[in-house]
Each structure stands twice: as structure tokens, then as C-alpha cells.
């Protein structure tokens, strides 16, 4: 704080810690970086000095002093899914921006909904070469076991977009998918007049985000709108061709469908079908993620609402959490909460 209009008090340094604790600079460095070889009583003295002085570690300076980069990896599904492509773009863009902070971002693409590929990617990671990993993958026992092995090797893990059950990862970065599903249900009920039949298109039973959205959607309909019947479709596997092929049979089976909730990433197939053979009257459509194709569908009236999450925020948040874990620095949980965005034709953000 300022005193009598003079210069502010200087920030405490590692030299001050060494002086107050009565130890060498090398010992202070070992304690601050959690290196072995320091007696517990000495660690207590150093930590007490840190608390007394109000010392706040400059993680960037510490990384620079070590003359090493922090290497972070994103394991993403290899797919034409526009939302995943947006994540890839954000990882590449943030990677360029973070180079000056001595942080490198890399990507490893694996087949979608392939637990074995995720397991191999995680088991191949080497502590010391990778300092943290963000994983967008299926929720299976094999994947969770691989995550536990990765964390046991000292590599923190973030679950990206889709969480893993049993708190397998250090952090989850994404929207609350149950809440997203409930939000979609309330929107749908308002659009169709709170009665009728609606179709839910999902991706895979292995994807926890898909399951949670469907669970939230069906739960709210049961609780609040019992006159709306929810029809679940077969798994679309986020495959536009598969979804486009299965929709005619579903409309033939349920010709009175009044609404469609696309809870996964099959928007391109849904758009193609509705563009070429729109039922009359056109069903209300609520989908996920604001991408170039869903934006166009919203503009043209094929879609009626989009529930979305910011791909840039997802990537930045994952990086901040992994970096803070590596640097042992504080985490601002409010900054890492991913907002559920709702877009209509009238409020789409400009490009």
C-alpha cells in the first residue's frame, strides 16, 4: 500500500523468504517447486515465511527461470464435426498466443467414440514431456482407468466438453449438460404449446454429455409438461449421413412429430433432411452449438433455437486449469464456469 504519497512497498522476493526462514535460496527454490530432499521442519519454516511476507509466486517468471516450456496436449475426436473443428482452431490459435508465456499446445486426434484409442493416447504420455492433458472422449471404465494411470504419473487431466463419471479427472470444463437439456425442454414446450410428440436425436450412449442432455430434457418434460411425449431416436453417432438416412423412417413411424431436439452433433444430417423433405407443418428444432451450418439453419428458419458454449472459453479454461496445477497457483473457479448460451434468429452474434 502507499504511505504518505511515496512509492508502494516492494513485493517480497525469494531473498526475503530465505532471510526470514534462515535458509538458503536453493532450499527456498526446492520448497516452492515441491522438489524432494528438504526436511519437513524446514518446509514448515519456509511456508511460514511465505505466509508472513504475503509472498505471491510469479508463475510466468518461475517458468522463465527454469528455461522450460509447459507442454499441454488436447486429445480430440478426429471428425468433421464443426464444433470439434472450432475446438481445433481455438487450440491452434491459443497455442500461438501462449508461446510468449512459454506454453505449447499440441493436439492428438483419435477416432470418435473409440475408448481403446483414448486409452492408448493417454498411456503413451510421458511425464516430463507432457505437463497436462485435456481429453474429449467417451465415459467408459477403460478410459477412466487410463486417466487414473495418467494422473498417477503426475500428469493432470481435464475432461473437456463431456465429463467422466466418478470424478476421474482433476477438472471438468464444459457446460452443465443436464441443465442444458432441461433448458432445451423448456424452450421446446414454449414453442409447441406444451403438448404433442417430440423427437430426441442423440449421438452415443458412451458420450456422457449426450446422455446428460437427454436425461435433463426428459426429466423436465416428465416433471412439468406431461402432455408432451418424448420419443428417443437410435444413436446417430454424430454421423450426418447416418442421421439423414434414419430420419425418414422415424417420421414415417411418428408422422405427428411437432419438435426435434438434436442433443448431439448430427446437425448437418438433420439440416439436409429438413431442407429436402420438410414435413408439414415444419417441426420446431432446437440444436446444440453455434457453428457455420447451424447459424445458417437458424437464419433460414430450419432451426428455431440453438444452445451453445464458447469453444474459445473451453480451450482457455482448460489451459488455465492445467497451467495453474503445474504452477501450483490459485484457481478462480468463477472464471472457469462455462456459460450456457441460447441463440434465436434475432440475437445471433455477428461474425
Protein backbone atom coordinates (compact mmCIF):
# COMPACT_ATOMS: atom_id res chain seq x y z
CA UNK A 1 0.00 0.00 0.00
CA UNK A 2 1.07 3.63 -0.45
CA UNK A 3 2.40 5.63 2.51
CA UNK A 4 2.29 9.46 2.51
CA UNK A 5 2.20 9.58 -1.29
CA UNK A 6 5.55 7.81 -1.61
CA UNK A 7 6.37 4.69 -3.63
CA UNK A 8 4.49 1.45 -2.86
CA UNK A 9 6.05 -1.22 -0.65
CA UNK A 10 8.23 -3.54 -2.71
CA UNK A 11 6.88 -7.03 -3.25
CA UNK A 12 8.57 -9.72 -1.13
CA UNK A 13 11.09 -11.85 -3.02
CA UNK A 14 12.64 -15.28 -2.58
CA UNK A 15 15.59 -13.48 -0.96
CA UNK A 16 13.23 -12.18 1.72
CA UNK A 17 11.85 -15.69 2.27
CA UNK A 18 15.37 -17.09 2.65
CA UNK A 19 16.27 -14.33 5.13
CA UNK A 20 13.12 -14.75 7.28
CA UNK A 21 13.25 -18.55 7.21
CA UNK A 22 17.00 -18.64 7.80
CA UNK A 23 17.68 -20.96 4.86
CA UNK A 24 19.50 -20.78 1.54
CA UNK A 25 17.99 -19.64 -1.74
CA UNK A 26 18.42 -23.17 -3.07
CA UNK A 27 16.28 -24.52 -0.23
CA UNK A 28 13.58 -21.92 -0.89
CA UNK A 29 13.57 -22.92 -4.55
CA UNK A 30 13.21 -26.61 -3.68
CA UNK A 31 10.28 -25.93 -1.34
CA UNK A 32 8.46 -23.59 -3.75
CA UNK A 33 8.80 -26.13 -6.55
CA UNK A 34 7.92 -29.15 -4.35
CA UNK A 35 11.23 -30.86 -5.01
CA UNK A 36 12.41 -33.67 -2.75
CA UNK A 37 15.31 -33.54 -0.30
CA UNK A 38 14.00 -30.96 2.19
CA UNK A 39 13.17 -31.84 5.81
CA UNK A 40 9.57 -31.30 6.89
CA UNK A 41 10.62 -28.85 9.62
CA UNK A 42 12.44 -26.76 7.02
CA UNK A 43 9.44 -26.85 4.70
CA UNK A 44 7.30 -25.55 7.56
CA UNK A 45 9.72 -22.68 8.20
CA UNK A 46 9.74 -21.68 4.54
CA UNK A 47 5.94 -21.87 4.26
CA UNK A 48 5.59 -19.82 7.44
CA UNK A 49 7.87 -17.15 5.97
CA UNK A 50 5.86 -17.15 2.74
CA UNK A 51 2.66 -16.57 4.72
CA UNK A 52 4.16 -13.85 6.92
CA UNK A 53 5.57 -11.95 3.96
CA UNK A 54 2.48 -12.36 1.79
CA UNK A 55 4.64 -13.73 -0.98
CA UNK A 56 2.76 -14.47 -4.24
CA UNK A 57 4.65 -16.60 -6.69
CA UNK A 58 5.04 -15.27 -10.24
CA UNK A 59 4.41 -18.46 -12.18
CA UNK A 60 5.50 -16.99 -15.52
CA UNK A 61 8.77 -15.76 -14.03
CA UNK A 62 9.34 -19.12 -12.37
CA UNK A 63 8.79 -20.91 -15.66
CA UNK A 64 11.14 -18.49 -17.39
CA UNK A 65 13.76 -19.04 -14.70
CA UNK A 66 13.56 -22.78 -15.30
CA UNK A 67 14.08 -22.11 -19.02
CA UNK A 68 11.50 -24.70 -20.00
CA UNK A 69 8.16 -24.77 -21.76
CA UNK A 70 4.93 -26.03 -20.29
CA UNK A 71 3.70 -28.65 -22.75
CA UNK A 72 -0.06 -29.22 -22.83
CA UNK A 73 -1.92 -31.70 -25.02
CA UNK A 74 -5.52 -31.79 -26.27
CA UNK A 75 -6.90 -35.22 -27.22
CA UNK A 76 -9.85 -34.62 -29.53
CA UNK A 77 -12.04 -36.80 -31.77
CA UNK A 78 -10.99 -36.94 -35.41
CA UNK A 79 -14.21 -35.86 -37.07
CA UNK A 80 -15.74 -33.37 -39.50
CA UNK A 81 -17.97 -32.14 -36.66
CA UNK A 82 -17.94 -28.34 -36.92
CA UNK A 83 -17.84 -27.83 -33.17
CA UNK A 84 -14.78 -30.07 -32.83
CA UNK A 85 -13.21 -28.17 -35.72
CA UNK A 86 -13.84 -24.97 -33.76
CA UNK A 87 -12.03 -26.51 -30.77
CA UNK A 88 -9.10 -27.47 -33.01
CA UNK A 89 -8.95 -23.92 -34.35
CA UNK A 90 -9.01 -22.45 -30.84
CA UNK A 91 -6.22 -24.76 -29.66
CA UNK A 92 -4.07 -23.70 -32.61
CA UNK A 93 -4.88 -20.01 -32.11
CA UNK A 94 -4.25 -20.07 -28.36
CA UNK A 95 -1.05 -22.01 -28.96
CA UNK A 96 0.36 -19.12 -30.97
CA UNK A 97 -0.67 -16.56 -28.35
CA UNK A 98 0.83 -18.56 -25.46
CA UNK A 99 4.27 -19.06 -26.92
CA UNK A 100 5.48 -15.86 -25.27
CA UNK A 101 4.39 -17.37 -21.93
CA UNK A 102 6.49 -20.45 -22.69
CA UNK A 103 3.40 -22.65 -23.07
CA UNK A 104 2.98 -25.00 -26.02
CA UNK A 105 -0.34 -26.54 -27.06
CA UNK A 106 -0.48 -29.68 -29.15
CA UNK A 107 -3.32 -31.81 -30.50
CA UNK A 108 -3.76 -35.55 -30.86
CA UNK A 109 -6.79 -36.69 -32.87
CA UNK A 110 -8.36 -40.11 -32.31
CA UNK A 111 -11.40 -41.85 -33.85
CA UNK A 112 -14.65 -40.65 -32.23
CA UNK A 113 -16.31 -42.84 -29.59
CA UNK A 114 -13.27 -45.14 -29.56
CA UNK A 115 -12.27 -45.91 -25.95
CA UNK A 116 -9.26 -48.00 -26.98
CA UNK A 117 -7.79 -45.09 -28.95
CA UNK A 118 -8.20 -42.74 -25.96
CA UNK A 119 -6.61 -45.31 -23.64
CA UNK A 120 -3.59 -45.73 -25.92
CA UNK A 121 -3.18 -41.97 -26.31
CA UNK A 122 -3.19 -41.50 -22.53
CA UNK A 123 -0.94 -44.46 -21.76
CA UNK A 124 1.62 -43.22 -24.31
CA UNK A 125 2.04 -39.89 -22.45
CA UNK A 126 5.33 -39.45 -20.62
CA UNK A 127 5.67 -37.30 -17.52
CA UNK A 128 8.29 -34.66 -18.19
CA UNK A 129 7.36 -34.43 -21.86
CA UNK A 130 3.66 -33.62 -21.29
CA UNK A 131 2.69 -31.42 -18.36
CA UNK A 132 -1.09 -31.70 -18.69
CA UNK A 133 -3.78 -33.12 -20.97
CA UNK A 134 -7.35 -32.20 -21.89
CA UNK A 135 -9.49 -35.12 -23.09
CA UNK A 136 -12.73 -35.05 -25.08
CA UNK A 137 -13.76 -38.69 -25.06
CA UNK A 138 -16.23 -41.41 -24.08
CA UNK A 139 -17.13 -42.22 -20.50
CA UNK A 140 -16.05 -45.86 -20.11
CA UNK A 141 -14.27 -47.80 -17.37
CA UNK A 142 -11.23 -48.33 -19.60
CA UNK A 143 -10.89 -44.60 -20.26
CA UNK A 144 -11.31 -43.74 -16.58
CA UNK A 145 -8.66 -46.30 -15.60
CA UNK A 146 -6.28 -44.78 -18.16
CA UNK A 147 -6.98 -41.33 -16.70
CA UNK A 148 -6.13 -42.62 -13.22
CA UNK A 149 -2.85 -44.06 -14.53
CA UNK A 150 -2.05 -40.74 -16.21
CA UNK A 151 -2.68 -38.76 -13.03
CA UNK A 152 -0.61 -41.26 -11.04
CA UNK A 153 2.33 -40.38 -13.30
CA UNK A 154 1.96 -36.75 -12.25
CA UNK A 155 0.10 -35.52 -15.35
CA UNK A 156 -3.10 -33.58 -14.53
CA UNK A 157 -6.16 -34.34 -16.68
CA UNK A 158 -9.07 -32.11 -17.71
CA UNK A 159 -12.28 -33.62 -19.09
CA UNK A 160 -13.31 -31.33 -21.95
CA UNK A 161 -16.95 -30.84 -23.07
CA UNK A 162 -18.01 -34.30 -21.81
CA UNK A 163 -17.24 -35.16 -18.19
CA UNK A 164 -16.09 -38.56 -16.97
CA UNK A 165 -18.03 -40.13 -14.10
CA UNK A 166 -16.65 -40.95 -10.65
CA UNK A 167 -14.57 -37.72 -10.67
CA UNK A 168 -11.93 -39.47 -12.74
CA UNK A 169 -10.34 -36.20 -13.91
CA UNK A 170 -8.82 -33.32 -11.98
CA UNK A 171 -11.26 -30.88 -13.61
CA UNK A 172 -14.24 -30.75 -15.95
CA UNK A 173 -14.52 -27.89 -18.44
CA UNK A 174 -17.89 -27.57 -20.12
CA UNK A 175 -21.49 -26.59 -19.59
CA UNK A 176 -23.78 -28.34 -17.14
CA UNK A 177 -25.29 -30.72 -19.69
CA UNK A 178 -28.25 -31.78 -17.53
CA UNK A 179 -29.19 -28.11 -17.19
CA UNK A 180 -28.70 -27.65 -20.94
CA UNK A 181 -31.14 -30.47 -21.61
CA UNK A 182 -33.69 -29.02 -19.20
CA UNK A 183 -33.29 -25.63 -20.86
CA UNK A 184 -33.95 -27.19 -24.27
CA UNK A 185 -37.08 -28.87 -22.89
CA UNK A 186 -38.49 -25.63 -21.50
CA UNK A 187 -37.81 -23.87 -24.79
CA UNK A 188 -39.44 -26.70 -26.74
CA UNK A 189 -42.53 -26.70 -24.52
CA UNK A 190 -42.97 -22.98 -25.09
CA UNK A 191 -42.56 -23.30 -28.85
CA UNK A 192 -45.01 -26.20 -29.40
CA UNK A 193 -47.68 -25.17 -26.90
CA UNK A 194 -46.95 -27.70 -24.18
CA UNK A 195 -48.47 -30.75 -25.86
CA UNK A 196 -47.53 -33.14 -28.66
CA UNK A 197 -44.73 -35.52 -29.59
CA UNK A 198 -41.05 -34.55 -29.76
CA UNK A 199 -38.06 -36.49 -31.04
CA UNK A 200 -34.67 -36.54 -29.30
CA UNK A 201 -31.67 -37.26 -31.53
CA UNK A 202 -28.63 -38.39 -29.56
CA UNK A 203 -25.09 -39.36 -30.51
CA UNK A 204 -23.77 -42.21 -28.41
CA UNK A 205 -24.52 -43.88 -25.09
CA UNK A 206 -20.76 -43.64 -24.42
CA UNK A 207 -20.86 -39.83 -24.52
CA UNK A 208 -21.78 -38.50 -21.10
CA UNK A 209 -22.69 -35.06 -22.43
CA UNK A 210 -25.25 -36.62 -24.79
CA UNK A 211 -26.73 -38.80 -22.05
CA UNK A 212 -26.95 -35.94 -19.56
CA UNK A 213 -28.67 -33.63 -22.05
CA UNK A 214 -31.24 -36.30 -22.87
CA UNK A 215 -31.71 -37.05 -19.18
CA UNK A 216 -32.32 -33.38 -18.38
CA UNK A 217 -34.69 -32.97 -21.34
CA UNK A 218 -36.82 -35.99 -20.46
CA UNK A 219 -36.83 -35.18 -16.73
CA UNK A 220 -38.19 -31.67 -17.19
CA UNK A 221 -40.86 -32.86 -19.61
CA UNK A 222 -41.98 -35.51 -17.10
CA UNK A 223 -41.98 -33.04 -14.21
CA UNK A 224 -43.54 -30.02 -15.88
CA UNK A 225 -45.09 -30.96 -19.24
CA UNK A 226 -46.69 -34.42 -19.01
CA UNK A 227 -48.73 -33.82 -22.19
CA UNK A 228 -45.53 -33.83 -24.24
CA UNK A 229 -44.39 -37.30 -25.29
CA UNK A 230 -40.64 -37.72 -25.79
CA UNK A 231 -39.53 -40.16 -28.47
CA UNK A 232 -35.88 -41.23 -28.39
CA UNK A 233 -34.16 -41.99 -31.68
CA UNK A 234 -31.44 -44.58 -32.31
CA UNK A 235 -27.88 -43.37 -31.79
CA UNK A 236 -26.75 -41.07 -34.58
CA UNK A 237 -23.03 -41.46 -33.74
CA UNK A 238 -22.59 -37.80 -34.76
CA UNK A 239 -22.66 -39.12 -38.33
CA UNK A 240 -24.60 -36.78 -40.68
CA UNK A 241 -25.15 -39.48 -43.30
CA UNK A 242 -26.48 -41.95 -40.73
CA UNK A 243 -28.84 -39.37 -39.25
CA UNK A 244 -30.10 -38.30 -42.67
CA UNK A 245 -30.85 -41.94 -43.53
CA UNK A 246 -32.67 -42.77 -40.30
CA UNK A 247 -34.93 -39.69 -40.19
CA UNK A 248 -37.39 -40.74 -42.95
CA UNK A 249 -38.17 -43.96 -41.08
CA UNK A 250 -38.66 -42.05 -37.84
CA UNK A 251 -41.05 -39.58 -39.49
CA UNK A 252 -42.93 -42.46 -41.05
CA UNK A 253 -43.20 -44.12 -37.64
CA UNK A 254 -44.18 -40.85 -35.92
CA UNK A 255 -45.84 -38.60 -38.54
CA UNK A 256 -47.14 -36.23 -35.86
CA UNK A 257 -43.70 -35.14 -34.54
CA UNK A 258 -44.01 -31.50 -33.51
CA UNK A 259 -40.46 -30.91 -32.29
CA UNK A 260 -36.91 -32.23 -32.63
CA UNK A 261 -34.17 -31.84 -30.02
CA UNK A 262 -30.78 -32.52 -31.58
CA UNK A 263 -28.78 -33.11 -28.42
CA UNK A 264 -25.56 -34.21 -30.11
CA UNK A 265 -23.60 -33.22 -33.21
CA UNK A 266 -25.69 -34.56 -36.07
CA UNK A 267 -26.86 -31.15 -37.22
CA UNK A 268 -25.63 -31.46 -40.81
CA UNK A 269 -27.68 -34.61 -41.40
CA UNK A 270 -30.74 -33.08 -39.78
CA UNK A 271 -30.37 -29.91 -41.86
CA UNK A 272 -30.01 -31.90 -45.07
CA UNK A 273 -33.15 -33.92 -44.38
CA UNK A 274 -35.29 -30.94 -43.38
CA UNK A 275 -34.02 -28.92 -46.36
CA UNK A 276 -35.09 -31.55 -48.88
CA UNK A 277 -38.22 -33.09 -47.35
CA UNK A 278 -39.65 -30.79 -44.72
CA UNK A 279 -42.73 -32.27 -43.03
CA UNK A 280 -45.82 -30.07 -42.89
CA UNK A 281 -46.09 -28.38 -40.53
CA UNK A 282 -42.35 -27.99 -40.00
CA UNK A 283 -41.27 -29.30 -36.60
CA UNK A 284 -39.70 -26.96 -34.10
CA UNK A 285 -35.97 -27.73 -33.97
CA UNK A 286 -33.62 -27.00 -31.07
CA UNK A 287 -29.98 -27.95 -31.60
CA UNK A 288 -26.58 -27.55 -29.97
CA UNK A 289 -23.56 -25.39 -30.82
CA UNK A 290 -23.46 -22.24 -32.93
CA UNK A 291 -21.43 -23.29 -35.98
CA UNK A 292 -21.49 -22.05 -39.58
CA UNK A 293 -24.13 -24.60 -40.63
CA UNK A 294 -26.34 -24.21 -37.55
CA UNK A 295 -26.11 -20.42 -37.85
CA UNK A 296 -27.34 -20.67 -41.45
CA UNK A 297 -30.11 -23.07 -40.40
CA UNK A 298 -31.22 -20.62 -37.71
CA UNK A 299 -31.18 -17.74 -40.18
CA UNK A 300 -33.21 -19.67 -42.77
CA UNK A 301 -35.78 -20.92 -40.26
CA UNK A 302 -34.85 -24.61 -40.33
CA UNK A 303 -33.71 -24.33 -36.70
CA UNK A 304 -35.64 -22.35 -34.10
CA UNK A 305 -33.11 -22.14 -31.25
CA UNK A 306 -29.53 -23.14 -30.55
CA UNK A 307 -27.98 -23.93 -27.18
CA UNK A 308 -24.27 -23.27 -27.33
CA UNK A 309 -20.98 -22.99 -25.47
CA UNK A 310 -17.97 -20.86 -26.37
CA UNK A 311 -15.21 -23.03 -27.87
CA UNK A 312 -12.62 -20.36 -27.11
CA UNK A 313 -13.65 -20.21 -23.46
CA UNK A 314 -13.44 -24.01 -23.23
CA UNK A 315 -9.86 -24.09 -24.51
CA UNK A 316 -8.70 -21.09 -22.50
CA UNK A 317 -10.23 -22.52 -19.33
CA UNK A 318 -8.59 -25.92 -19.84
CA UNK A 319 -5.23 -24.24 -20.35
CA UNK A 320 -5.61 -22.04 -17.27
CA UNK A 321 -6.52 -25.01 -15.07
CA UNK A 322 -3.67 -27.20 -16.31
CA UNK A 323 -1.20 -24.32 -16.06
CA UNK A 324 -2.35 -23.41 -12.54
CA UNK A 325 -1.99 -27.04 -11.46
CA UNK A 326 1.53 -27.21 -12.84
CA UNK A 327 2.50 -23.85 -11.31
CA UNK A 328 0.69 -24.58 -8.03
CA UNK A 329 -1.06 -21.24 -8.36
CA UNK A 330 -4.60 -20.28 -7.26
CA UNK A 331 -7.62 -21.05 -9.45
CA UNK A 332 -10.51 -18.63 -9.95
CA UNK A 333 -13.45 -21.02 -10.21
CA UNK A 334 -15.84 -18.29 -11.34
CA UNK A 335 -13.65 -17.63 -14.38
CA UNK A 336 -13.84 -21.28 -15.38
CA UNK A 337 -17.63 -21.62 -15.37
CA UNK A 338 -18.78 -22.18 -18.96
CA UNK A 339 -21.99 -20.31 -19.72
CA UNK A 340 -24.98 -21.87 -21.48
CA UNK A 341 -25.81 -19.55 -24.38
CA UNK A 342 -29.23 -19.53 -26.04
CA UNK A 343 -29.46 -18.14 -29.58
CA UNK A 344 -32.52 -17.30 -31.62
CA UNK A 345 -32.55 -15.82 -35.10
CA UNK A 346 -32.92 -12.37 -33.58
CA UNK A 347 -29.92 -12.43 -31.19
CA UNK A 348 -27.20 -14.27 -33.08
CA UNK A 349 -23.81 -12.59 -32.57
CA UNK A 350 -22.24 -11.05 -35.64
CA UNK A 351 -19.43 -12.90 -37.37
